[in-house]
Protein backbone atom coordinates (compact mmCIF):
# COMPACT_ATOMS: atom_id res chain seq x y z
CA UNK A 1 -74.22 160.11 -132.14
CA UNK A 2 -76.17 162.30 -129.74
CA UNK A 3 -74.81 161.31 -126.36
CA UNK A 4 -71.12 160.47 -126.45
CA UNK A 5 -70.22 157.65 -124.07
CA UNK A 6 -68.41 158.71 -120.90
CA UNK A 7 -66.80 156.99 -117.95
CA UNK A 8 -65.13 158.75 -115.05
CA UNK A 9 -64.59 158.54 -111.31
CA UNK A 10 -66.13 161.01 -108.89
CA UNK A 11 -64.73 160.17 -105.46
CA UNK A 12 -66.05 156.66 -104.70
CA UNK A 13 -68.45 156.57 -107.63
CA UNK A 14 -67.86 155.38 -111.19
CA UNK A 15 -70.09 157.40 -113.50
CA UNK A 16 -71.14 155.76 -116.77
CA UNK A 17 -73.18 157.88 -119.16
CA UNK A 18 -74.23 158.31 -122.77
CA UNK A 19 -74.52 155.82 -125.60
CA UNK A 20 -72.44 152.78 -124.75
CA UNK A 21 -72.36 151.00 -128.11
CA UNK A 22 -69.85 149.32 -130.39
CA UNK A 23 -68.95 152.62 -132.08
CA UNK A 24 -67.78 153.98 -128.69
CA UNK A 25 -66.02 150.84 -127.43
CA UNK A 26 -62.46 151.89 -128.27
CA UNK A 27 -62.91 155.29 -126.63
CA UNK A 28 -64.44 153.72 -123.53
CA UNK A 29 -61.60 151.21 -123.25
CA UNK A 30 -59.03 154.03 -123.45
CA UNK A 31 -60.88 156.01 -120.80
CA UNK A 32 -61.21 152.98 -118.52
CA UNK A 33 -57.48 152.28 -118.66
CA UNK A 34 -56.66 155.81 -117.50
CA UNK A 35 -58.91 155.73 -114.44
CA UNK A 36 -57.12 156.15 -111.12
CA UNK A 37 -58.86 153.82 -108.71
CA UNK A 38 -59.05 154.66 -105.00
CA UNK A 39 -56.78 152.45 -102.93
CA UNK A 40 -59.46 151.68 -100.32
CA UNK A 41 -63.21 151.51 -100.07
CA UNK A 42 -66.07 150.38 -102.22
CA UNK A 43 -66.85 151.92 -105.60
CA UNK A 44 -70.47 152.45 -106.56
CA UNK A 45 -71.19 152.15 -110.28
CA UNK A 46 -73.77 154.70 -111.44
CA UNK A 47 -75.35 153.74 -114.77
CA UNK A 48 -78.39 155.96 -114.40
CA UNK A 49 -77.27 158.21 -117.25
CA UNK A 50 -77.02 155.55 -119.94
CA UNK A 51 -78.97 156.45 -123.04
CA UNK A 52 -77.96 153.23 -124.80
CA UNK A 53 -76.14 150.04 -123.80
CA UNK A 54 -75.36 147.21 -126.20
CA UNK A 55 -73.89 143.79 -125.48
CA UNK A 56 -70.30 144.72 -126.38
CA UNK A 57 -70.22 147.58 -123.90
CA UNK A 58 -72.09 145.62 -121.25
CA UNK A 59 -69.20 143.14 -121.41
CA UNK A 60 -66.75 146.04 -120.93
CA UNK A 61 -68.75 147.22 -117.91
CA UNK A 62 -68.65 143.67 -116.52
CA UNK A 63 -64.86 143.60 -116.91
CA UNK A 64 -64.50 147.00 -115.23
CA UNK A 65 -66.62 146.02 -112.24
CA UNK A 66 -64.37 142.99 -111.63
CA UNK A 67 -61.48 145.36 -110.81
């Protein structure tokens, strides 16, 4: 895998990058659980650095954005 999937918060922005595919799902879920969400404000989701996104990880992204 060339571009390991990543998810992290940078102030009020959720950065999603790399190859979001089934092989990375477990790692992404672990990373998502450890995120410390800001208590106020709106979070912008930045997906501009995706190199791949499959249906399993798009569902994860959908679940994350509902928080």
